Amino acid sequence: MRLVDALIFGLTLGGTYALIALGLNLQYGVARILNLAYGEMLIAAALGALVLFTQAGVSPLLALVLLVPVAGIAGALLYRVALQPLVRRARSREALEADSILSTFGLLFVLQGLMLAGFGGNYLSYSYLAVPVDVLGTTVSANRLLALVVALVLGGGLFLLLTRTRIGTALRAVAVAPESAPLVAIDVAKIAMLAFALGTALVAVAGVLVSMFSTFSATMGVLFTMKALIVVMMGGVGNFVGCVLAALLLGLSESLVSTYVDPGLTLAANYAIFLFVLVFRPAGLFGKGRR
């Protein structure tokens, strides 16, 4: 029963990690923007859900309907105003990645400062769907199960979008060969903006759902960014099924180490796995290396 408890907790934890990482994978995989302000966007969505729930009585699930479109539009505007000029002047994808790191690093402090001014630095939380659910004899909170289900659905949905639709084909073309995409009538700038907007909408979903069961503060964004980046690198940049699988692997490793070794070693175990992947599979566990 102890093993079952560890496995179920690990899966729900991994589902949370996958939910957090999917948006960053889309932004980095297609737009080639390494968004260091990604965690702050997640916190902003969590704060929005908190305000709507505590001040207006709007449930977080309804808040998703309100906040996700706003986040997508904000992401598109951010890309158009602040990031597209970087794309135009960048001479290579590597130069674009370096410029995006610097610019989004500054954006990180802007968003964090605004949230600190509005909400302070205290830890915040609220409870929603904190209903115990019995799974194979183990009690799991319904809100954590919801995060796992949503992560699996979004991962599968993104996979189908990329492999079964014309927009998905355009997204993959820009991710693989942005220089050649215009030759087949693909507007690279619009597709990259779409990818960044979708990624911002996805991080808003993650922020709202994570806020239902996790304590957070205005300064915690960097922790979410680092966790998402580890998952993306492990799963393979642009590989959404790999992203979900890597997140589940990470969650299981944390849970098993915490249960059978020492809870204080969970972070060390995660980084050990990450370093192992970087050394032996630089393109990620499920990614394809460049030839």
C-alpha atoms as a PDB file:
ATOM      1  CA  MET A   1       0.000   0.000   0.000  1.00  0.00           C
ATOM      2  CA  ARG A   2       2.939   2.320   0.680  1.00  0.00           C
ATOM      3  CA  LEU A   3       4.145   1.847  -2.886  1.00  0.00           C
ATOM      4  CA  VAL A   4       0.659   2.548  -4.264  1.00  0.00           C
ATOM      5  CA  ASP A   5       0.476   5.735  -2.196  1.00  0.00           C
ATOM      6  CA  ALA A   6       3.854   6.876  -3.549  1.00  0.00           C
ATOM      7  CA  LEU A   7       2.932   6.085  -7.149  1.00  0.00           C
ATOM      8  CA  ILE A   8      -0.420   7.889  -7.039  1.00  0.00           C
ATOM      9  CA  PHE A   9       1.070  10.930  -5.330  1.00  0.00           C
ATOM     10  CA  GLY A  10       3.920  10.921  -7.844  1.00  0.00           C
ATOM     11  CA  LEU A  11       1.517  10.852 -10.773  1.00  0.00           C
ATOM     12  CA  THR A  12      -0.547  13.740  -9.435  1.00  0.00           C
ATOM     13  CA  LEU A  13       2.632  15.711  -8.713  1.00  0.00           C
ATOM     14  CA  GLY A  14       3.938  14.937 -12.197  1.00  0.00           C
ATOM     15  CA  GLY A  15       0.636  16.046 -13.679  1.00  0.00           C
ATOM     16  CA  THR A  16       1.091  19.410 -11.969  1.00  0.00           C
ATOM     17  CA  TYR A  17       4.610  19.707 -13.407  1.00  0.00           C
ATOM     18  CA  ALA A  18       3.348  18.828 -16.880  1.00  0.00           C
ATOM     19  CA  LEU A  19       0.581  21.392 -16.632  1.00  0.00           C
ATOM     20  CA  ILE A  20       3.125  24.051 -15.682  1.00  0.00           C
ATOM     21  CA  ALA A  21       5.613  23.145 -18.432  1.00  0.00           C
ATOM     22  CA  LEU A  22       3.374  22.769 -21.499  1.00  0.00           C
ATOM     23  CA  GLY A  23       3.092  26.495 -22.216  1.00  0.00           C
ATOM     24  CA  LEU A  24       6.847  27.091 -21.954  1.00  0.00           C
ATOM     25  CA  ASN A  25       7.451  24.166 -24.295  1.00  0.00           C
ATOM     26  CA  LEU A  26       5.206  25.777 -26.914  1.00  0.00           C
ATOM     27  CA  GLN A  27       6.776  29.220 -26.569  1.00  0.00           C
ATOM     28  CA  TYR A  28      10.345  27.963 -26.677  1.00  0.00           C
ATOM     29  CA  GLY A  29       9.781  25.180 -29.176  1.00  0.00           C
ATOM     30  CA  VAL A  30       8.079  27.321 -31.833  1.00  0.00           C
ATOM     31  CA  ALA A  31       8.798  30.992 -31.137  1.00  0.00           C
ATOM     32  CA  ARG A  32      12.309  30.266 -29.787  1.00  0.00           C
ATOM     33  CA  ILE A  33      11.625  32.649 -26.909  1.00  0.00           C
ATOM     34  CA  LEU A  34      13.119  31.418 -23.638  1.00  0.00           C
ATOM     35  CA  ASN A  35      10.628  33.201 -21.408  1.00  0.00           C
ATOM     36  CA  LEU A  36      12.207  33.738 -17.983  1.00  0.00           C
ATOM     37  CA  ALA A  37       9.083  35.642 -16.894  1.00  0.00           C
ATOM     38  CA  TYR A  38       7.000  32.491 -17.435  1.00  0.00           C
ATOM     39  CA  GLY A  39       6.630  31.793 -13.711  1.00  0.00           C
ATOM     40  CA  GLU A  40       5.500  35.356 -13.052  1.00  0.00           C
ATOM     41  CA  MET A  41       2.758  34.878 -15.645  1.00  0.00           C
ATOM     42  CA  LEU A  42       1.660  31.782 -13.748  1.00  0.00           C
ATOM     43  CA  ILE A  43       1.597  33.702 -10.469  1.00  0.00           C
ATOM     44  CA  ALA A  44      -0.369  36.525 -12.116  1.00  0.00           C
ATOM     45  CA  ALA A  45      -3.056  34.049 -13.200  1.00  0.00           C
ATOM     46  CA  ALA A  46      -3.095  32.509  -9.718  1.00  0.00           C
ATOM     47  CA  LEU A  47      -3.568  35.948  -8.174  1.00  0.00           C
ATOM     48  CA  GLY A  48      -6.350  36.700 -10.632  1.00  0.00           C
ATOM     49  CA  ALA A  49      -8.146  33.496  -9.621  1.00  0.00           C
ATOM     50  CA  LEU A  50      -7.625  34.331  -5.945  1.00  0.00           C
ATOM     51  CA  VAL A  51      -9.147  37.800  -6.328  1.00  0.00           C
ATOM     52  CA  LEU A  52     -12.116  36.538  -8.350  1.00  0.00           C
ATOM     53  CA  PHE A  53     -12.799  33.754  -5.838  1.00  0.00           C
ATOM     54  CA  THR A  54     -12.359  35.712  -2.597  1.00  0.00           C
ATOM     55  CA  GLN A  55     -13.727  39.087  -3.687  1.00  0.00           C
ATOM     56  CA  ALA A  56     -16.400  38.200  -6.251  1.00  0.00           C
ATOM     57  CA  GLY A  57     -17.236  34.600  -5.391  1.00  0.00           C
ATOM     58  CA  VAL A  58     -16.287  33.393  -8.888  1.00  0.00           C
ATOM     59  CA  SER A  59     -15.174  29.757  -8.880  1.00  0.00           C
ATOM     60  CA  PRO A  60     -11.687  29.039 -10.289  1.00  0.00           C
ATOM     61  CA  LEU A  61     -13.206  26.882 -13.029  1.00  0.00           C
ATOM     62  CA  LEU A  62     -15.276  29.836 -14.208  1.00  0.00           C
ATOM     63  CA  ALA A  63     -12.216  32.046 -13.762  1.00  0.00           C
ATOM     64  CA  LEU A  64     -10.506  29.904 -16.377  1.00  0.00           C
ATOM     65  CA  VAL A  65     -13.101  31.024 -18.921  1.00  0.00           C
ATOM     66  CA  LEU A  66     -12.413  34.653 -18.030  1.00  0.00           C
ATOM     67  CA  LEU A  67      -8.649  34.664 -17.531  1.00  0.00           C
ATOM     68  CA  VAL A  68      -7.385  32.344 -20.278  1.00  0.00           C
ATOM     69  CA  PRO A  69      -8.593  34.472 -23.252  1.00  0.00           C
ATOM     70  CA  VAL A  70      -7.240  37.604 -21.542  1.00  0.00           C
ATOM     71  CA  ALA A  71      -3.892  35.880 -21.030  1.00  0.00           C
ATOM     72  CA  GLY A  72      -3.763  34.794 -24.672  1.00  0.00           C
ATOM     73  CA  ILE A  73      -4.446  38.338 -25.906  1.00  0.00           C
ATOM     74  CA  ALA A  74      -1.883  39.760 -23.477  1.00  0.00           C
ATOM     75  CA  GLY A  75       0.677  37.229 -24.707  1.00  0.00           C
ATOM     76  CA  ALA A  76       0.048  38.176 -28.333  1.00  0.00           C
ATOM     77  CA  LEU A  77       0.409  41.890 -27.539  1.00  0.00           C
ATOM     78  CA  LEU A  78       3.579  41.276 -25.542  1.00  0.00           C
ATOM     79  CA  TYR A  79       5.108  39.369 -28.414  1.00  0.00           C
ATOM     80  CA  ARG A  80       4.057  41.970 -30.965  1.00  0.00           C
ATOM     81  CA  VAL A  81       5.306  44.992 -28.987  1.00  0.00           C
ATOM     82  CA  ALA A  82       8.310  43.762 -27.015  1.00  0.00           C
ATOM     83  CA  LEU A  83       9.606  40.555 -28.591  1.00  0.00           C
ATOM     84  CA  GLN A  84       9.016  40.833 -32.326  1.00  0.00           C
ATOM     85  CA  PRO A  85      11.628  43.618 -32.653  1.00  0.00           C
ATOM     86  CA  LEU A  86      14.147  41.172 -31.173  1.00  0.00           C
ATOM     87  CA  VAL A  87      13.168  38.576 -33.763  1.00  0.00           C
ATOM     88  CA  ARG A  88      13.647  41.053 -36.615  1.00  0.00           C
ATOM     89  CA  ARG A  89      17.120  42.093 -35.569  1.00  0.00           C
ATOM     90  CA  ALA A  90      18.406  38.641 -34.534  1.00  0.00           C
ATOM     91  CA  ARG A  91      20.863  37.185 -37.037  1.00  0.00           C
ATOM     92  CA  SER A  92      20.390  33.600 -35.859  1.00  0.00           C
ATOM     93  CA  ARG A  93      18.195  31.480 -33.611  1.00  0.00           C
ATOM     94  CA  GLU A  94      20.967  31.405 -31.029  1.00  0.00           C
ATOM     95  CA  ALA A  95      21.116  35.216 -31.004  1.00  0.00           C
ATOM     96  CA  LEU A  96      17.333  35.378 -30.609  1.00  0.00           C
ATOM     97  CA  GLU A  97      17.459  33.017 -27.635  1.00  0.00           C
ATOM     98  CA  ALA A  98      20.147  35.132 -25.965  1.00  0.00           C
ATOM     99  CA  ASP A  99      18.217  38.372 -26.563  1.00  0.00           C
ATOM    100  CA  SER A 100      14.973  36.817 -25.323  1.00  0.00           C
ATOM    101  CA  ILE A 101      16.662  35.688 -22.114  1.00  0.00           C
ATOM    102  CA  LEU A 102      17.816  39.225 -21.378  1.00  0.00           C
ATOM    103  CA  SER A 103      14.515  40.901 -22.263  1.00  0.00           C
ATOM    104  CA  THR A 104      12.277  38.455 -20.384  1.00  0.00           C
ATOM    105  CA  PHE A 105      14.654  38.612 -17.419  1.00  0.00           C
ATOM    106  CA  GLY A 106      13.819  42.305 -17.221  1.00  0.00           C
ATOM    107  CA  LEU A 107      10.118  41.561 -17.706  1.00  0.00           C
ATOM    108  CA  LEU A 108      10.359  39.158 -14.755  1.00  0.00           C
ATOM    109  CA  PHE A 109      11.229  42.017 -12.399  1.00  0.00           C
ATOM    110  CA  VAL A 110       8.594  44.307 -13.868  1.00  0.00           C
ATOM    111  CA  LEU A 111       5.805  41.760 -13.300  1.00  0.00           C
ATOM    112  CA  GLN A 112       7.160  40.758  -9.912  1.00  0.00           C
ATOM    113  CA  GLY A 113       7.346  44.392  -8.809  1.00  0.00           C
ATOM    114  CA  LEU A 114       3.775  45.067  -9.884  1.00  0.00           C
ATOM    115  CA  MET A 115       2.507  41.997  -8.031  1.00  0.00           C
ATOM    116  CA  LEU A 116       4.495  42.894  -4.906  1.00  0.00           C
ATOM    117  CA  ALA A 117       3.017  46.391  -4.977  1.00  0.00           C
ATOM    118  CA  GLY A 118      -0.495  45.027  -5.304  1.00  0.00           C
ATOM    119  CA  PHE A 119      -0.389  41.969  -3.045  1.00  0.00           C
ATOM    120  CA  GLY A 120       2.738  42.215  -0.902  1.00  0.00           C
ATOM    121  CA  GLY A 121       5.220  39.422  -0.297  1.00  0.00           C
ATOM    122  CA  ASN A 122       3.083  37.242   1.987  1.00  0.00           C
ATOM    123  CA  TYR A 123       2.120  33.687   1.109  1.00  0.00           C
ATOM    124  CA  LEU A 124      -1.421  33.414  -0.216  1.00  0.00           C
ATOM    125  CA  SER A 125      -3.827  30.523  -0.672  1.00  0.00           C
ATOM    126  CA  TYR A 126      -7.442  29.496  -0.871  1.00  0.00           C
ATOM    127  CA  SER A 127      -9.186  26.152  -0.996  1.00  0.00           C
ATOM    128  CA  TYR A 128     -11.372  24.877  -3.793  1.00  0.00           C
ATOM    129  CA  LEU A 129     -12.333  21.291  -4.662  1.00  0.00           C
ATOM    130  CA  ALA A 130     -10.329  20.093  -1.661  1.00  0.00           C
ATOM    131  CA  VAL A 131     -12.506  16.999  -1.560  1.00  0.00           C
ATOM    132  CA  PRO A 132     -10.862  13.663  -0.742  1.00  0.00           C
ATOM    133  CA  VAL A 133     -11.181  11.068  -3.492  1.00  0.00           C
ATOM    134  CA  ASP A 134     -10.363   7.398  -2.968  1.00  0.00           C
ATOM    135  CA  VAL A 135      -8.048   6.024  -5.669  1.00  0.00           C
ATOM    136  CA  LEU A 136      -6.970   2.395  -5.201  1.00  0.00           C
ATOM    137  CA  GLY A 137      -7.236   2.780  -1.451  1.00  0.00           C
ATOM    138  CA  THR A 138      -5.309   6.064  -1.393  1.00  0.00           C
ATOM    139  CA  THR A 139      -6.914   9.412  -0.612  1.00  0.00           C
ATOM    140  CA  VAL A 140      -6.133  12.122  -3.156  1.00  0.00           C
ATOM    141  CA  SER A 141      -7.485  15.648  -3.285  1.00  0.00           C
ATOM    142  CA  ALA A 142      -9.899  16.262  -6.159  1.00  0.00           C
ATOM    143  CA  ASN A 143      -8.137  19.470  -7.203  1.00  0.00           C
ATOM    144  CA  ARG A 144      -4.833  17.620  -7.687  1.00  0.00           C
ATOM    145  CA  LEU A 145      -6.561  14.942  -9.733  1.00  0.00           C
ATOM    146  CA  LEU A 146      -8.113  17.686 -11.835  1.00  0.00           C
ATOM    147  CA  ALA A 147      -4.647  19.126 -12.546  1.00  0.00           C
ATOM    148  CA  LEU A 148      -3.438  15.680 -13.671  1.00  0.00           C
ATOM    149  CA  VAL A 149      -6.440  15.155 -15.960  1.00  0.00           C
ATOM    150  CA  VAL A 150      -6.145  18.618 -17.483  1.00  0.00           C
ATOM    151  CA  ALA A 151      -2.415  18.102 -18.100  1.00  0.00           C
ATOM    152  CA  LEU A 152      -3.054  14.808 -19.919  1.00  0.00           C
ATOM    153  CA  VAL A 153      -5.878  16.327 -21.960  1.00  0.00           C
ATOM    154  CA  LEU A 154      -3.847  19.400 -22.903  1.00  0.00           C
ATOM    155  CA  GLY A 155      -0.800  17.317 -23.792  1.00  0.00           C
ATOM    156  CA  GLY A 156      -2.892  15.054 -26.012  1.00  0.00           C
ATOM    157  CA  GLY A 157      -4.745  18.004 -27.491  1.00  0.00           C
ATOM    158  CA  LEU A 158      -1.526  19.814 -28.395  1.00  0.00           C
ATOM    159  CA  PHE A 159      -0.171  16.643 -29.974  1.00  0.00           C
ATOM    160  CA  LEU A 160      -3.296  16.324 -32.124  1.00  0.00           C
ATOM    161  CA  LEU A 161      -3.187  20.038 -32.972  1.00  0.00           C
ATOM    162  CA  LEU A 162       0.394  19.766 -34.168  1.00  0.00           C
ATOM    163  CA  THR A 163      -0.020  16.530 -36.115  1.00  0.00           C
ATOM    164  CA  ARG A 164      -3.587  16.673 -37.454  1.00  0.00           C
ATOM    165  CA  THR A 165      -4.261  20.299 -38.403  1.00  0.00           C
ATOM    166  CA  ARG A 166      -2.912  22.816 -40.909  1.00  0.00           C
ATOM    167  CA  ILE A 167      -2.115  25.264 -38.124  1.00  0.00           C
ATOM    168  CA  GLY A 168      -0.180  22.518 -36.394  1.00  0.00           C
ATOM    169  CA  THR A 169       1.767  21.840 -39.569  1.00  0.00           C
ATOM    170  CA  ALA A 170       2.627  25.537 -39.788  1.00  0.00           C
ATOM    171  CA  LEU A 171       3.712  25.579 -36.147  1.00  0.00           C
ATOM    172  CA  ARG A 172       5.986  22.587 -36.683  1.00  0.00           C
ATOM    173  CA  ALA A 173       7.403  24.093 -39.863  1.00  0.00           C
ATOM    174  CA  VAL A 174       8.340  27.310 -38.060  1.00  0.00           C
ATOM    175  CA  ALA A 175       9.822  25.340 -35.167  1.00  0.00           C
ATOM    176  CA  VAL A 176      12.004  23.213 -37.461  1.00  0.00           C
ATOM    177  CA  ALA A 177      12.926  25.591 -40.288  1.00  0.00           C
ATOM    178  CA  PRO A 178      11.768  29.214 -39.867  1.00  0.00           C
ATOM    179  CA  GLU A 179      13.960  30.296 -42.785  1.00  0.00           C
ATOM    180  CA  SER A 180      12.237  27.905 -45.189  1.00  0.00           C
ATOM    181  CA  ALA A 181       8.666  28.279 -43.905  1.00  0.00           C
ATOM    182  CA  PRO A 182       7.930  31.419 -46.012  1.00  0.00           C
ATOM    183  CA  LEU A 183       8.659  29.379 -49.142  1.00  0.00           C
ATOM    184  CA  VAL A 184       5.389  27.504 -48.545  1.00  0.00           C
ATOM    185  CA  ALA A 185       3.363  30.664 -47.767  1.00  0.00           C
ATOM    186  CA  ILE A 186       3.677  30.486 -43.961  1.00  0.00           C
ATOM    187  CA  ASP A 187       3.728  33.832 -42.155  1.00  0.00           C
ATOM    188  CA  VAL A 188       6.475  33.119 -39.624  1.00  0.00           C
ATOM    189  CA  ALA A 189       5.796  36.229 -37.536  1.00  0.00           C
ATOM    190  CA  LYS A 190       2.089  35.443 -37.108  1.00  0.00           C
ATOM    191  CA  ILE A 191       2.710  31.769 -36.322  1.00  0.00           C
ATOM    192  CA  ALA A 192       5.361  32.638 -33.741  1.00  0.00           C
ATOM    193  CA  MET A 193       2.998  35.183 -32.174  1.00  0.00           C
ATOM    194  CA  LEU A 194       0.246  32.544 -32.106  1.00  0.00           C
ATOM    195  CA  ALA A 195       2.581  30.091 -30.374  1.00  0.00           C
ATOM    196  CA  PHE A 196       3.563  32.659 -27.750  1.00  0.00           C
ATOM    197  CA  ALA A 197      -0.085  33.595 -27.174  1.00  0.00           C
ATOM    198  CA  LEU A 198      -1.113  29.946 -26.807  1.00  0.00           C
ATOM    199  CA  GLY A 199       1.769  29.370 -24.409  1.00  0.00           C
ATOM    200  CA  THR A 200       0.648  32.326 -22.297  1.00  0.00           C
ATOM    201  CA  ALA A 201      -2.921  30.981 -22.279  1.00  0.00           C
ATOM    202  CA  LEU A 202      -1.630  27.584 -21.153  1.00  0.00           C
ATOM    203  CA  VAL A 203       0.367  29.074 -18.289  1.00  0.00           C
ATOM    204  CA  ALA A 204      -2.801  30.887 -17.205  1.00  0.00           C
ATOM    205  CA  VAL A 205      -4.585  27.524 -17.055  1.00  0.00           C
ATOM    206  CA  ALA A 206      -1.715  26.176 -14.949  1.00  0.00           C
ATOM    207  CA  GLY A 207      -1.775  29.196 -12.641  1.00  0.00           C
ATOM    208  CA  VAL A 208      -5.488  28.941 -11.938  1.00  0.00           C
ATOM    209  CA  LEU A 209      -5.453  25.185 -11.305  1.00  0.00           C
ATOM    210  CA  VAL A 210      -2.280  25.224  -9.191  1.00  0.00           C
ATOM    211  CA  SER A 211      -3.687  28.057  -7.075  1.00  0.00           C
ATOM    212  CA  MET A 212      -6.526  25.746  -6.007  1.00  0.00           C
ATOM    213  CA  PHE A 213      -4.219  23.566  -3.882  1.00  0.00           C
ATOM    214  CA  SER A 214      -0.839  25.295  -3.580  1.00  0.00           C
ATOM    215  CA  THR A 215       0.398  28.190  -1.468  1.00  0.00           C
ATOM    216  CA  PHE A 216       2.040  30.899  -3.550  1.00  0.00           C
ATOM    217  CA  SER A 217       3.454  34.419  -3.334  1.00  0.00           C
ATOM    218  CA  ALA A 218       4.400  37.230  -5.706  1.00  0.00           C
ATOM    219  CA  THR A 219       8.072  36.203  -5.570  1.00  0.00           C
ATOM    220  CA  MET A 220       7.689  32.470  -6.280  1.00  0.00           C
ATOM    221  CA  GLY A 221       7.563  32.708 -10.067  1.00  0.00           C
ATOM    222  CA  VAL A 222      11.206  31.777 -10.592  1.00  0.00           C
ATOM    223  CA  LEU A 223      10.636  28.404  -8.904  1.00  0.00           C
ATOM    224  CA  PHE A 224       7.905  27.542 -11.397  1.00  0.00           C
ATOM    225  CA  THR A 225      10.065  28.740 -14.285  1.00  0.00           C
ATOM    226  CA  MET A 226      12.975  26.512 -13.256  1.00  0.00           C
ATOM    227  CA  LYS A 227      10.738  23.476 -12.796  1.00  0.00           C
ATOM    228  CA  ALA A 228       9.106  24.046 -16.186  1.00  0.00           C
ATOM    229  CA  LEU A 229      12.493  24.487 -17.870  1.00  0.00           C
ATOM    230  CA  ILE A 230      13.782  21.216 -16.415  1.00  0.00           C
ATOM    231  CA  VAL A 231      10.706  19.350 -17.666  1.00  0.00           C
ATOM    232  CA  VAL A 232      10.957  20.902 -21.139  1.00  0.00           C
ATOM    233  CA  MET A 233      14.649  20.023 -21.477  1.00  0.00           C
ATOM    234  CA  MET A 234      14.103  16.492 -20.226  1.00  0.00           C
ATOM    235  CA  GLY A 235      11.136  15.806 -22.484  1.00  0.00           C
ATOM    236  CA  GLY A 236      12.626  17.436 -25.568  1.00  0.00           C
ATOM    237  CA  VAL A 237      11.979  20.968 -26.793  1.00  0.00           C
ATOM    238  CA  GLY A 238       8.754  21.034 -28.814  1.00  0.00           C
ATOM    239  CA  ASN A 239       7.804  17.462 -27.858  1.00  0.00           C
ATOM    240  CA  PHE A 240       4.540  17.707 -25.921  1.00  0.00           C
ATOM    241  CA  VAL A 241       4.028  14.008 -25.256  1.00  0.00           C
ATOM    242  CA  GLY A 242       7.645  13.869 -24.096  1.00  0.00           C
ATOM    243  CA  CYS A 243       6.981  16.880 -21.869  1.00  0.00           C
ATOM    244  CA  VAL A 244       4.107  15.107 -20.109  1.00  0.00           C
ATOM    245  CA  LEU A 245       6.066  11.856 -19.745  1.00  0.00           C
ATOM    246  CA  ALA A 246       9.142  13.660 -18.399  1.00  0.00           C
ATOM    247  CA  ALA A 247       6.972  15.536 -15.887  1.00  0.00           C
ATOM    248  CA  LEU A 248       5.385  12.285 -14.692  1.00  0.00           C
ATOM    249  CA  LEU A 249       8.860  10.731 -14.377  1.00  0.00           C
ATOM    250  CA  LEU A 250      10.020  13.704 -12.326  1.00  0.00           C
ATOM    251  CA  GLY A 251       6.963  13.540 -10.080  1.00  0.00           C
ATOM    252  CA  LEU A 252       7.388   9.797  -9.534  1.00  0.00           C
ATOM    253  CA  SER A 253      11.076  10.175  -8.704  1.00  0.00           C
ATOM    254  CA  GLU A 254      10.288  12.858  -6.117  1.00  0.00           C
ATOM    255  CA  SER A 255       7.570  10.763  -4.547  1.00  0.00           C
ATOM    256  CA  LEU A 256       9.602   7.540  -4.422  1.00  0.00           C
ATOM    257  CA  VAL A 257      12.704   9.245  -3.023  1.00  0.00           C
ATOM    258  CA  SER A 258      10.597  11.031  -0.415  1.00  0.00           C
ATOM    259  CA  THR A 259       8.872   7.782   0.590  1.00  0.00           C
ATOM    260  CA  TYR A 260      11.786   5.355   0.611  1.00  0.00           C
ATOM    261  CA  VAL A 261      14.927   7.467   1.080  1.00  0.00           C
ATOM    262  CA  ASP A 262      14.637  10.976   2.546  1.00  0.00           C
ATOM    263  CA  PRO A 263      12.231  13.855   1.798  1.00  0.00           C
ATOM    264  CA  GLY A 264      15.178  16.233   1.918  1.00  0.00           C
ATOM    265  CA  LEU A 265      16.769  14.525  -1.085  1.00  0.00           C
ATOM    266  CA  THR A 266      13.908  14.995  -3.564  1.00  0.00           C
ATOM    267  CA  LEU A 267      15.417  18.120  -5.118  1.00  0.00           C
ATOM    268  CA  ALA A 268      18.833  16.470  -5.352  1.00  0.00           C
ATOM    269  CA  ALA A 269      17.302  13.432  -7.053  1.00  0.00           C
ATOM    270  CA  ASN A 270      15.528  15.628  -9.594  1.00  0.00           C
ATOM    271  CA  TYR A 271      18.676  17.522 -10.522  1.00  0.00           C
ATOM    272  CA  ALA A 272      20.660  14.280 -10.685  1.00  0.00           C
ATOM    273  CA  ILE A 273      18.187  12.915 -13.242  1.00  0.00           C
ATOM    274  CA  PHE A 274      18.291  16.217 -15.127  1.00  0.00           C
ATOM    275  CA  LEU A 275      22.098  16.204 -15.289  1.00  0.00           C
ATOM    276  CA  PHE A 276      22.081  12.581 -16.418  1.00  0.00           C
ATOM    277  CA  VAL A 277      19.731  13.463 -19.263  1.00  0.00           C
ATOM    278  CA  LEU A 278      21.824  16.491 -20.264  1.00  0.00           C
ATOM    279  CA  VAL A 279      24.974  14.383 -20.450  1.00  0.00           C
ATOM    280  CA  PHE A 280      23.629  11.322 -22.257  1.00  0.00           C
ATOM    281  CA  ARG A 281      20.561  12.716 -24.071  1.00  0.00           C
ATOM    282  CA  PRO A 282      21.210  16.432 -24.747  1.00  0.00           C
ATOM    283  CA  ALA A 283      18.110  16.667 -26.962  1.00  0.00           C
ATOM    284  CA  GLY A 284      15.928  15.271 -24.153  1.00  0.00           C
ATOM    285  CA  LEU A 285      14.584  11.823 -23.402  1.00  0.00           C
ATOM    286  CA  PHE A 286      12.077  12.025 -26.251  1.00  0.00           C
ATOM    287  CA  GLY A 287      13.679  14.679 -28.439  1.00  0.00           C
ATOM    288  CA  LYS A 288      15.596  14.212 -31.657  1.00  0.00           C
ATOM    289  CA  GLY A 289      19.110  15.531 -31.946  1.00  0.00           C
ATOM    290  CA  ARG A 290      20.133  17.759 -34.805  1.00  0.00           C
ATOM    291  CA  ARG A 291      22.126  16.237 -37.602  1.00  0.00           C
END
